[in-house]
Amino acid sequence: MNNEHGFTLTELLVACAVVGVVMAGVFTLQQQGQNAYLWGSARVEVQQNARLALDLMTREIRSAITISSCASTKVAFTDSASVATVYEQVGSRLLRTKANGTTTVDAADNEVIGGVQSFAITCYASDGYTATTTPANVRSVRFQIQTRVSNTGVASGAAGNQHAIVESRVKLRNI
C-alpha cells in the first residue's frame, strides 16, 4: 500500500479560492489607500495655491496708498514705494503686474497661480457694507478665489480633481 501524502483536487481548489479572496481584499485596500492619497494631495495643492495668492494680495493691498481701479475681476493700486500693481484673472491664471512709472517691474513672470476658476473682487466704502466701484471711496477690499488643480488632465470625478474657495477682506491702512 502506498501512503503518499498530497493534496486532493478539492483541497487545492479551496486553497486557490481563499488566496483569491485575500488578494482581492488586499487589492481593494491598496486602491482605496491610493485614492485617499490622491484626494488629500490634490486638496492640499489647491488650498495652498489659493492661500499663497490670497496672502500676497492681502499683504500688498493693505499698504496701498491709492486705489486706481476696482472692478469685479481686477484691482489696481499704488503702494508706498510708488509701484503700481494690478491683479486680474486672465483665463485660468491669476496675474500680477507691477510697474514703476512707465517701466514694468516684473514682466518676465507675472503669474501668481494657475488653476483659477473664478476671481471676484468687491470694494467697500468707509461704512464697510456699501459696495463701490469708485476708486476714491474704497476703504476695504474683499477677494474671493476659487481654484482647482493645475493639471487639466484629471477627470471630473477623479479623486485628484479638487476645488477650493478662499476669501479674505482687507481694510486699507494708508487711505
N, C-alpha and C. Protein backbone atom coordinates (compact mmCIF):
# COMPACT_ATOMS: atom_id res chain seq x y z
N MET A 1 0.81 -1.16 0.00
CA MET A 1 0.00 0.00 0.00
C MET A 1 0.87 1.25 0.00
N ASN A 2 0.60 2.11 -0.92
CA ASN A 2 1.34 3.37 -0.97
C ASN A 2 0.64 4.40 -0.09
N ASN A 3 1.43 5.00 0.74
CA ASN A 3 0.88 6.02 1.61
C ASN A 3 1.49 7.37 1.21
N GLU A 4 1.16 7.82 0.04
CA GLU A 4 1.69 9.09 -0.45
C GLU A 4 0.79 10.21 0.03
N HIS A 5 1.44 11.19 0.66
CA HIS A 5 0.69 12.34 1.14
C HIS A 5 0.70 13.42 0.07
N GLY A 6 -0.38 14.08 -0.15
CA GLY A 6 -0.51 15.14 -1.13
C GLY A 6 -1.84 15.84 -0.97
N PHE A 7 -2.12 16.73 -1.88
CA PHE A 7 -3.37 17.49 -1.83
C PHE A 7 -4.34 16.87 -2.81
N THR A 8 -5.56 16.83 -2.38
CA THR A 8 -6.59 16.39 -3.30
C THR A 8 -7.02 17.59 -4.14
N LEU A 9 -7.72 17.33 -5.19
CA LEU A 9 -8.19 18.39 -6.07
C LEU A 9 -9.11 19.35 -5.32
N THR A 10 -9.92 18.84 -4.46
CA THR A 10 -10.84 19.67 -3.67
C THR A 10 -10.06 20.61 -2.75
N GLU A 11 -9.05 20.10 -2.08
CA GLU A 11 -8.22 20.93 -1.19
C GLU A 11 -7.50 22.02 -1.99
N LEU A 12 -7.02 21.69 -3.14
CA LEU A 12 -6.33 22.65 -3.99
C LEU A 12 -7.28 23.76 -4.45
N LEU A 13 -8.48 23.44 -4.84
CA LEU A 13 -9.47 24.43 -5.26
C LEU A 13 -9.88 25.34 -4.11
N VAL A 14 -10.04 24.78 -2.92
CA VAL A 14 -10.40 25.59 -1.75
C VAL A 14 -9.26 26.55 -1.42
N ALA A 15 -8.02 26.08 -1.48
CA ALA A 15 -6.86 26.94 -1.19
C ALA A 15 -6.76 28.07 -2.22
N CYS A 16 -6.99 27.78 -3.49
CA CYS A 16 -6.97 28.82 -4.53
C CYS A 16 -8.07 29.85 -4.30
N ALA A 17 -9.23 29.42 -3.90
CA ALA A 17 -10.34 30.34 -3.65
C ALA A 17 -10.03 31.25 -2.47
N VAL A 18 -9.45 30.71 -1.40
CA VAL A 18 -9.10 31.51 -0.23
C VAL A 18 -8.03 32.53 -0.59
N VAL A 19 -7.01 32.11 -1.33
CA VAL A 19 -5.95 33.04 -1.76
C VAL A 19 -6.54 34.13 -2.66
N GLY A 20 -7.47 33.78 -3.53
CA GLY A 20 -8.11 34.77 -4.41
C GLY A 20 -8.90 35.80 -3.62
N VAL A 21 -9.63 35.38 -2.60
CA VAL A 21 -10.40 36.31 -1.77
C VAL A 21 -9.46 37.24 -1.01
N VAL A 22 -8.38 36.70 -0.46
CA VAL A 22 -7.41 37.53 0.28
C VAL A 22 -6.76 38.54 -0.66
N MET A 23 -6.37 38.11 -1.86
CA MET A 23 -5.75 39.03 -2.82
C MET A 23 -6.72 40.13 -3.27
N ALA A 24 -7.99 39.79 -3.45
CA ALA A 24 -8.98 40.80 -3.82
C ALA A 24 -9.13 41.84 -2.70
N GLY A 25 -9.12 41.38 -1.46
CA GLY A 25 -9.19 42.31 -0.33
C GLY A 25 -7.97 43.21 -0.26
N VAL A 26 -6.78 42.66 -0.47
CA VAL A 26 -5.55 43.47 -0.45
C VAL A 26 -5.56 44.48 -1.59
N PHE A 27 -6.00 44.08 -2.77
CA PHE A 27 -6.07 44.99 -3.90
C PHE A 27 -7.04 46.14 -3.64
N THR A 28 -8.20 45.82 -3.09
CA THR A 28 -9.19 46.86 -2.78
C THR A 28 -8.65 47.82 -1.74
N LEU A 29 -8.02 47.32 -0.72
CA LEU A 29 -7.44 48.16 0.32
C LEU A 29 -6.36 49.07 -0.25
N GLN A 30 -5.51 48.52 -1.10
CA GLN A 30 -4.44 49.33 -1.72
C GLN A 30 -5.02 50.40 -2.63
N GLN A 31 -6.05 50.06 -3.37
CA GLN A 31 -6.68 51.02 -4.28
C GLN A 31 -7.35 52.15 -3.49
N GLN A 32 -8.02 51.84 -2.40
CA GLN A 32 -8.65 52.86 -1.58
C GLN A 32 -7.61 53.77 -0.93
N GLY A 33 -6.49 53.20 -0.51
CA GLY A 33 -5.40 54.00 0.06
C GLY A 33 -4.82 54.96 -0.96
N GLN A 34 -4.65 54.50 -2.18
CA GLN A 34 -4.12 55.35 -3.23
C GLN A 34 -5.11 56.48 -3.57
N ASN A 35 -6.39 56.18 -3.62
CA ASN A 35 -7.39 57.22 -3.87
C ASN A 35 -7.41 58.26 -2.75
N ALA A 36 -7.27 57.81 -1.51
CA ALA A 36 -7.24 58.75 -0.38
C ALA A 36 -6.00 59.65 -0.46
N TYR A 37 -4.88 59.08 -0.85
CA TYR A 37 -3.67 59.89 -1.01
C TYR A 37 -3.83 60.92 -2.12
N LEU A 38 -4.36 60.52 -3.28
CA LEU A 38 -4.57 61.45 -4.39
C LEU A 38 -5.55 62.56 -4.00
N TRP A 39 -6.61 62.21 -3.30
CA TRP A 39 -7.58 63.20 -2.86
C TRP A 39 -6.92 64.20 -1.93
N GLY A 40 -6.18 63.70 -0.95
CA GLY A 40 -5.54 64.57 0.03
C GLY A 40 -4.48 65.47 -0.58
N SER A 41 -3.64 64.92 -1.43
CA SER A 41 -2.57 65.74 -2.02
C SER A 41 -3.13 66.79 -2.98
N ALA A 42 -4.17 66.44 -3.73
CA ALA A 42 -4.79 67.43 -4.62
C ALA A 42 -5.48 68.52 -3.81
N ARG A 43 -6.11 68.15 -2.72
CA ARG A 43 -6.78 69.13 -1.86
C ARG A 43 -5.77 70.11 -1.26
N VAL A 44 -4.66 69.58 -0.81
CA VAL A 44 -3.60 70.43 -0.24
C VAL A 44 -3.06 71.37 -1.31
N GLU A 45 -2.87 70.87 -2.53
CA GLU A 45 -2.35 71.71 -3.61
C GLU A 45 -3.26 72.90 -3.90
N VAL A 46 -4.55 72.66 -4.05
CA VAL A 46 -5.43 73.77 -4.39
C VAL A 46 -5.57 74.75 -3.23
N GLN A 47 -5.58 74.25 -2.01
CA GLN A 47 -5.68 75.16 -0.87
C GLN A 47 -4.42 75.98 -0.70
N GLN A 48 -3.26 75.36 -0.86
CA GLN A 48 -2.00 76.10 -0.72
C GLN A 48 -1.86 77.16 -1.81
N ASN A 49 -2.22 76.81 -3.04
CA ASN A 49 -2.14 77.79 -4.12
C ASN A 49 -3.04 78.99 -3.85
N ALA A 50 -4.25 78.71 -3.44
CA ALA A 50 -5.19 79.80 -3.18
C ALA A 50 -4.73 80.65 -2.00
N ARG A 51 -4.23 80.02 -0.95
CA ARG A 51 -3.75 80.78 0.21
C ARG A 51 -2.53 81.62 -0.13
N LEU A 52 -1.65 81.07 -0.94
CA LEU A 52 -0.46 81.83 -1.36
C LEU A 52 -0.87 83.11 -2.07
N ALA A 53 -1.77 83.00 -3.02
CA ALA A 53 -2.22 84.18 -3.76
C ALA A 53 -2.95 85.15 -2.84
N LEU A 54 -3.79 84.64 -2.00
CA LEU A 54 -4.56 85.49 -1.10
C LEU A 54 -3.64 86.23 -0.12
N ASP A 55 -2.66 85.55 0.44
CA ASP A 55 -1.71 86.19 1.35
C ASP A 55 -0.92 87.29 0.66
N LEU A 56 -0.47 87.02 -0.55
CA LEU A 56 0.30 88.01 -1.31
C LEU A 56 -0.55 89.25 -1.59
N MET A 57 -1.78 89.05 -2.10
CA MET A 57 -2.66 90.17 -2.40
C MET A 57 -3.01 90.95 -1.13
N THR A 58 -3.32 90.25 -0.08
CA THR A 58 -3.69 90.90 1.18
C THR A 58 -2.55 91.77 1.70
N ARG A 59 -1.37 91.23 1.72
CA ARG A 59 -0.21 91.96 2.22
C ARG A 59 0.06 93.21 1.38
N GLU A 60 -0.02 93.08 0.06
CA GLU A 60 0.28 94.22 -0.80
C GLU A 60 -0.80 95.30 -0.78
N ILE A 61 -2.06 94.89 -0.83
CA ILE A 61 -3.11 95.91 -0.90
C ILE A 61 -3.35 96.58 0.46
N ARG A 62 -3.00 95.90 1.52
CA ARG A 62 -3.16 96.50 2.85
C ARG A 62 -2.35 97.80 2.97
N SER A 63 -1.20 97.84 2.30
CA SER A 63 -0.34 99.02 2.40
C SER A 63 -0.49 99.96 1.20
N ALA A 64 -1.57 99.83 0.46
CA ALA A 64 -1.79 100.68 -0.71
C ALA A 64 -1.98 102.13 -0.31
N ILE A 65 -1.46 103.02 -1.15
CA ILE A 65 -1.63 104.46 -0.94
C ILE A 65 -2.87 104.94 -1.68
N THR A 66 -3.05 104.46 -2.91
CA THR A 66 -4.22 104.82 -3.70
C THR A 66 -4.75 103.60 -4.44
N ILE A 67 -6.04 103.57 -4.64
CA ILE A 67 -6.70 102.56 -5.47
C ILE A 67 -7.04 103.26 -6.78
N SER A 68 -6.58 102.70 -7.90
CA SER A 68 -6.87 103.35 -9.18
C SER A 68 -7.98 102.65 -9.95
N SER A 69 -8.26 101.38 -9.61
CA SER A 69 -9.33 100.67 -10.29
C SER A 69 -9.82 99.54 -9.39
N CYS A 70 -11.12 99.37 -9.35
CA CYS A 70 -11.69 98.28 -8.56
C CYS A 70 -12.88 97.73 -9.34
N ALA A 71 -12.63 96.69 -10.12
CA ALA A 71 -13.68 96.04 -10.90
C ALA A 71 -13.96 94.67 -10.32
N SER A 72 -14.87 93.93 -10.91
CA SER A 72 -15.26 92.63 -10.35
C SER A 72 -14.16 91.58 -10.44
N THR A 73 -13.26 91.68 -11.42
CA THR A 73 -12.17 90.70 -11.54
C THR A 73 -10.80 91.35 -11.68
N LYS A 74 -10.71 92.63 -11.33
CA LYS A 74 -9.44 93.34 -11.48
C LYS A 74 -9.35 94.44 -10.45
N VAL A 75 -8.19 94.54 -9.81
CA VAL A 75 -7.94 95.62 -8.87
C VAL A 75 -6.56 96.19 -9.17
N ALA A 76 -6.46 97.52 -9.15
CA ALA A 76 -5.20 98.21 -9.40
C ALA A 76 -4.97 99.21 -8.28
N PHE A 77 -3.75 99.27 -7.79
CA PHE A 77 -3.42 100.17 -6.70
C PHE A 77 -1.96 100.57 -6.76
N THR A 78 -1.60 101.59 -5.99
CA THR A 78 -0.22 102.06 -5.90
C THR A 78 0.22 101.93 -4.45
N ASP A 79 1.41 101.35 -4.24
CA ASP A 79 1.89 101.17 -2.88
C ASP A 79 2.76 102.35 -2.44
N SER A 80 3.30 102.27 -1.24
CA SER A 80 4.06 103.38 -0.66
C SER A 80 5.37 103.67 -1.40
N ALA A 81 5.85 102.73 -2.19
CA ALA A 81 7.07 102.94 -2.99
C ALA A 81 6.73 103.43 -4.39
N SER A 82 5.52 103.88 -4.62
CA SER A 82 5.03 104.37 -5.92
C SER A 82 5.09 103.31 -7.01
N VAL A 83 4.88 102.06 -6.62
CA VAL A 83 4.82 100.96 -7.58
C VAL A 83 3.36 100.61 -7.80
N ALA A 84 2.95 100.71 -9.06
CA ALA A 84 1.56 100.38 -9.42
C ALA A 84 1.45 98.87 -9.59
N THR A 85 0.44 98.29 -8.97
CA THR A 85 0.24 96.84 -9.01
C THR A 85 -1.17 96.56 -9.49
N VAL A 86 -1.29 95.58 -10.37
CA VAL A 86 -2.60 95.17 -10.89
C VAL A 86 -2.73 93.66 -10.70
N TYR A 87 -3.84 93.24 -10.12
CA TYR A 87 -4.20 91.83 -10.03
C TYR A 87 -5.43 91.62 -10.90
N GLU A 88 -5.37 90.57 -11.75
CA GLU A 88 -6.52 90.26 -12.58
C GLU A 88 -6.48 88.81 -13.02
N GLN A 89 -7.66 88.28 -13.30
CA GLN A 89 -7.77 86.92 -13.81
C GLN A 89 -7.75 86.97 -15.33
N VAL A 90 -6.87 86.17 -15.91
CA VAL A 90 -6.81 86.02 -17.36
C VAL A 90 -6.87 84.52 -17.64
N GLY A 91 -7.99 84.09 -18.18
CA GLY A 91 -8.18 82.65 -18.39
C GLY A 91 -8.25 81.93 -17.05
N SER A 92 -7.40 80.93 -16.88
CA SER A 92 -7.36 80.21 -15.61
C SER A 92 -6.15 80.61 -14.77
N ARG A 93 -5.60 81.78 -15.05
CA ARG A 93 -4.43 82.25 -14.31
C ARG A 93 -4.75 83.55 -13.58
N LEU A 94 -4.14 83.72 -12.42
CA LEU A 94 -4.23 84.98 -11.68
C LEU A 94 -2.90 85.69 -11.91
N LEU A 95 -2.97 86.88 -12.52
CA LEU A 95 -1.77 87.61 -12.89
C LEU A 95 -1.57 88.82 -11.99
N ARG A 96 -0.30 89.12 -11.74
CA ARG A 96 0.08 90.33 -11.00
C ARG A 96 1.08 91.07 -11.86
N THR A 97 0.80 92.33 -12.15
CA THR A 97 1.70 93.16 -12.93
C THR A 97 2.10 94.35 -12.06
N LYS A 98 3.39 94.56 -11.96
CA LYS A 98 3.90 95.69 -11.18
C LYS A 98 4.66 96.61 -12.11
N ALA A 99 4.46 97.92 -11.96
CA ALA A 99 5.14 98.89 -12.80
C ALA A 99 5.53 100.09 -11.95
N ASN A 100 6.72 100.62 -12.21
CA ASN A 100 7.20 101.81 -11.54
C ASN A 100 7.26 102.91 -12.58
N GLY A 101 6.25 103.75 -12.59
CA GLY A 101 6.16 104.76 -13.65
C GLY A 101 5.75 104.08 -14.94
N THR A 102 6.60 104.17 -15.96
CA THR A 102 6.31 103.53 -17.24
C THR A 102 7.09 102.23 -17.42
N THR A 103 7.91 101.85 -16.43
CA THR A 103 8.73 100.65 -16.52
C THR A 103 8.03 99.50 -15.81
N THR A 104 7.82 98.41 -16.51
CA THR A 104 7.23 97.23 -15.89
C THR A 104 8.29 96.53 -15.07
N VAL A 105 8.00 96.27 -13.81
CA VAL A 105 8.98 95.71 -12.89
C VAL A 105 9.13 94.21 -13.07
N ASP A 106 8.05 93.48 -13.21
CA ASP A 106 8.12 92.01 -13.28
C ASP A 106 7.43 91.44 -14.51
N ALA A 107 7.81 91.91 -15.68
CA ALA A 107 7.14 91.47 -16.91
C ALA A 107 7.46 90.02 -17.25
N ALA A 108 8.59 89.49 -16.79
CA ALA A 108 9.00 88.14 -17.19
C ALA A 108 8.03 87.07 -16.70
N ASP A 109 7.63 87.14 -15.45
CA ASP A 109 6.75 86.11 -14.92
C ASP A 109 5.77 86.76 -13.96
N ASN A 110 4.59 87.02 -14.43
CA ASN A 110 3.62 87.70 -13.58
C ASN A 110 2.46 86.81 -13.17
N GLU A 111 2.58 85.49 -13.34
CA GLU A 111 1.52 84.58 -12.92
C GLU A 111 1.69 84.27 -11.44
N VAL A 112 0.67 84.57 -10.67
CA VAL A 112 0.70 84.27 -9.24
C VAL A 112 0.36 82.80 -9.04
N ILE A 113 -0.78 82.36 -9.56
CA ILE A 113 -1.17 80.95 -9.51
C ILE A 113 -1.95 80.60 -10.77
N GLY A 114 -1.97 79.33 -11.06
CA GLY A 114 -2.79 78.81 -12.15
C GLY A 114 -3.96 78.03 -11.56
N GLY A 115 -4.80 77.54 -12.41
CA GLY A 115 -5.94 76.75 -11.95
C GLY A 115 -7.05 77.57 -11.32
N VAL A 116 -7.14 78.84 -11.68
CA VAL A 116 -8.16 79.72 -11.09
C VAL A 116 -9.45 79.55 -11.88
N GLN A 117 -10.50 79.18 -11.18
CA GLN A 117 -11.81 79.08 -11.81
C GLN A 117 -12.55 80.40 -11.76
N SER A 118 -12.42 81.09 -10.64
CA SER A 118 -13.03 82.41 -10.55
C SER A 118 -12.24 83.27 -9.58
N PHE A 119 -12.26 84.56 -9.85
CA PHE A 119 -11.58 85.54 -9.02
C PHE A 119 -12.53 86.72 -8.91
N ALA A 120 -13.04 86.96 -7.71
CA ALA A 120 -14.02 88.01 -7.52
C ALA A 120 -13.49 89.05 -6.54
N ILE A 121 -13.70 90.30 -6.88
CA ILE A 121 -13.26 91.40 -6.04
C ILE A 121 -14.48 92.27 -5.75
N THR A 122 -14.63 92.64 -4.49
CA THR A 122 -15.68 93.58 -4.11
C THR A 122 -15.03 94.67 -3.28
N CYS A 123 -15.22 95.89 -3.66
CA CYS A 123 -14.67 97.03 -2.93
C CYS A 123 -15.78 97.68 -2.12
N TYR A 124 -15.43 98.07 -0.90
CA TYR A 124 -16.41 98.64 0.01
C TYR A 124 -16.02 100.06 0.41
N ALA A 125 -17.04 100.84 0.67
CA ALA A 125 -16.85 102.23 1.13
C ALA A 125 -16.50 102.22 2.62
N SER A 126 -16.40 103.40 3.21
CA SER A 126 -15.94 103.53 4.59
C SER A 126 -16.86 102.87 5.62
N ASP A 127 -18.14 102.71 5.30
CA ASP A 127 -19.04 102.05 6.26
C ASP A 127 -18.82 100.55 6.32
N GLY A 128 -18.11 99.99 5.33
CA GLY A 128 -17.80 98.56 5.33
C GLY A 128 -18.89 97.67 4.75
N TYR A 129 -20.04 98.24 4.39
CA TYR A 129 -21.15 97.45 3.87
C TYR A 129 -21.56 97.83 2.46
N THR A 130 -21.31 99.06 2.09
CA THR A 130 -21.74 99.55 0.78
C THR A 130 -20.66 99.26 -0.25
N ALA A 131 -21.02 98.46 -1.27
CA ALA A 131 -20.07 98.17 -2.35
C ALA A 131 -19.92 99.40 -3.23
N THR A 132 -18.70 99.62 -3.69
CA THR A 132 -18.42 100.78 -4.54
C THR A 132 -17.43 100.40 -5.62
N THR A 133 -17.53 101.07 -6.75
CA THR A 133 -16.55 100.90 -7.82
C THR A 133 -15.78 102.20 -8.04
N THR A 134 -16.07 103.20 -7.24
CA THR A 134 -15.37 104.48 -7.33
C THR A 134 -14.07 104.36 -6.54
N PRO A 135 -12.91 104.44 -7.21
CA PRO A 135 -11.63 104.23 -6.52
C PRO A 135 -11.40 105.14 -5.32
N ALA A 136 -11.86 106.38 -5.38
CA ALA A 136 -11.63 107.32 -4.27
C ALA A 136 -12.40 106.94 -3.01
N ASN A 137 -13.48 106.17 -3.14
CA ASN A 137 -14.30 105.79 -2.00
C ASN A 137 -13.93 104.46 -1.37
N VAL A 138 -12.99 103.72 -1.95
CA VAL A 138 -12.66 102.37 -1.48
C VAL A 138 -11.88 102.46 -0.17
N ARG A 139 -12.37 101.71 0.85
CA ARG A 139 -11.69 101.65 2.15
C ARG A 139 -11.36 100.21 2.54
N SER A 140 -12.03 99.25 1.93
CA SER A 140 -11.70 97.84 2.16
C SER A 140 -12.02 97.05 0.90
N VAL A 141 -11.33 95.93 0.77
CA VAL A 141 -11.47 95.09 -0.43
C VAL A 141 -11.65 93.64 0.01
N ARG A 142 -12.60 92.97 -0.65
CA ARG A 142 -12.82 91.54 -0.40
C ARG A 142 -12.39 90.77 -1.64
N PHE A 143 -11.51 89.79 -1.43
CA PHE A 143 -11.05 88.91 -2.51
C PHE A 143 -11.68 87.53 -2.29
N GLN A 144 -12.10 86.90 -3.38
CA GLN A 144 -12.55 85.52 -3.33
C GLN A 144 -11.94 84.79 -4.52
N ILE A 145 -11.23 83.70 -4.23
CA ILE A 145 -10.57 82.92 -5.28
C ILE A 145 -11.09 81.49 -5.21
N GLN A 146 -11.54 80.99 -6.35
CA GLN A 146 -11.92 79.58 -6.45
C GLN A 146 -10.89 78.92 -7.35
N THR A 147 -10.22 77.91 -6.82
CA THR A 147 -9.17 77.24 -7.59
C THR A 147 -9.50 75.77 -7.79
N ARG A 148 -8.79 75.18 -8.72
CA ARG A 148 -8.84 73.74 -8.97
C ARG A 148 -7.41 73.31 -9.21
N VAL A 149 -7.18 72.02 -9.37
CA VAL A 149 -5.83 71.54 -9.61
C VAL A 149 -5.33 72.10 -10.94
N SER A 150 -4.03 72.37 -11.00
CA SER A 150 -3.45 72.94 -12.22
C SER A 150 -3.43 71.94 -13.37
N ASN A 151 -3.35 70.65 -13.05
CA ASN A 151 -3.32 69.61 -14.07
C ASN A 151 -4.71 69.45 -14.65
N THR A 152 -4.90 69.88 -15.88
CA THR A 152 -6.22 69.83 -16.51
C THR A 152 -6.57 68.45 -17.04
N GLY A 153 -5.65 67.50 -16.98
CA GLY A 153 -5.91 66.16 -17.47
C GLY A 153 -6.63 65.27 -16.47
N VAL A 154 -6.97 65.78 -15.30
CA VAL A 154 -7.65 65.00 -14.28
C VAL A 154 -9.13 64.92 -14.61
N ALA A 155 -9.68 63.72 -14.58
CA ALA A 155 -11.10 63.52 -14.89
C ALA A 155 -11.97 64.19 -13.84
N SER A 156 -13.18 64.58 -14.24
CA SER A 156 -14.05 65.35 -13.35
C SER A 156 -14.45 64.58 -12.09
N GLY A 157 -14.59 63.28 -12.14
CA GLY A 157 -14.99 62.52 -10.96
C GLY A 157 -13.83 61.89 -10.21
N ALA A 158 -12.61 62.15 -10.64
CA ALA A 158 -11.43 61.51 -10.04
C ALA A 158 -11.11 62.12 -8.69
N ALA A 159 -10.39 61.34 -7.88
CA ALA A 159 -10.01 61.80 -6.54
C ALA A 159 -9.07 63.00 -6.61
N GLY A 160 -8.29 63.11 -7.67
CA GLY A 160 -7.35 64.21 -7.81
C GLY A 160 -7.97 65.50 -8.30
N ASN A 161 -9.26 65.50 -8.61
CA ASN A 161 -9.94 66.71 -9.09
C ASN A 161 -10.57 67.42 -7.90
N GLN A 162 -9.86 68.36 -7.33
CA GLN A 162 -10.32 69.06 -6.14
C GLN A 162 -10.52 70.55 -6.43
N HIS A 163 -11.35 71.18 -5.65
CA HIS A 163 -11.64 72.61 -5.76
C HIS A 163 -11.54 73.21 -4.36
N ALA A 164 -11.20 74.48 -4.32
CA ALA A 164 -11.18 75.20 -3.04
C ALA A 164 -11.61 76.64 -3.27
N ILE A 165 -12.30 77.19 -2.30
CA ILE A 165 -12.68 78.60 -2.33
C ILE A 165 -12.11 79.24 -1.07
N VAL A 166 -11.31 80.28 -1.26
CA VAL A 166 -10.78 81.04 -0.13
C VAL A 166 -11.13 82.50 -0.35
N GLU A 167 -11.32 83.19 0.76
CA GLU A 167 -11.62 84.62 0.64
C GLU A 167 -11.05 85.36 1.84
N SER A 168 -10.83 86.62 1.62
CA SER A 168 -10.31 87.49 2.66
C SER A 168 -10.81 88.90 2.42
N ARG A 169 -10.91 89.63 3.50
CA ARG A 169 -11.30 91.03 3.39
C ARG A 169 -10.21 91.86 4.04
N VAL A 170 -9.77 92.89 3.32
CA VAL A 170 -8.64 93.69 3.75
C VAL A 170 -9.08 95.12 3.95
N LYS A 171 -8.76 95.66 5.11
CA LYS A 171 -9.02 97.07 5.34
C LYS A 171 -7.73 97.82 5.00
N LEU A 172 -7.86 98.83 4.17
CA LEU A 172 -6.70 99.58 3.71
C LEU A 172 -6.18 100.48 4.83
N ARG A 173 -4.92 100.41 5.12
CA ARG A 173 -4.33 101.16 6.24
C ARG A 173 -4.01 102.60 5.91
N ASN A 174 -3.54 102.84 4.69
CA ASN A 174 -2.96 104.15 4.35
C ASN A 174 -3.90 105.10 3.63
N ILE A 175 -5.15 104.72 3.49
CA ILE A 175 -6.07 105.60 2.74
C ILE A 175 -7.04 106.24 3.71
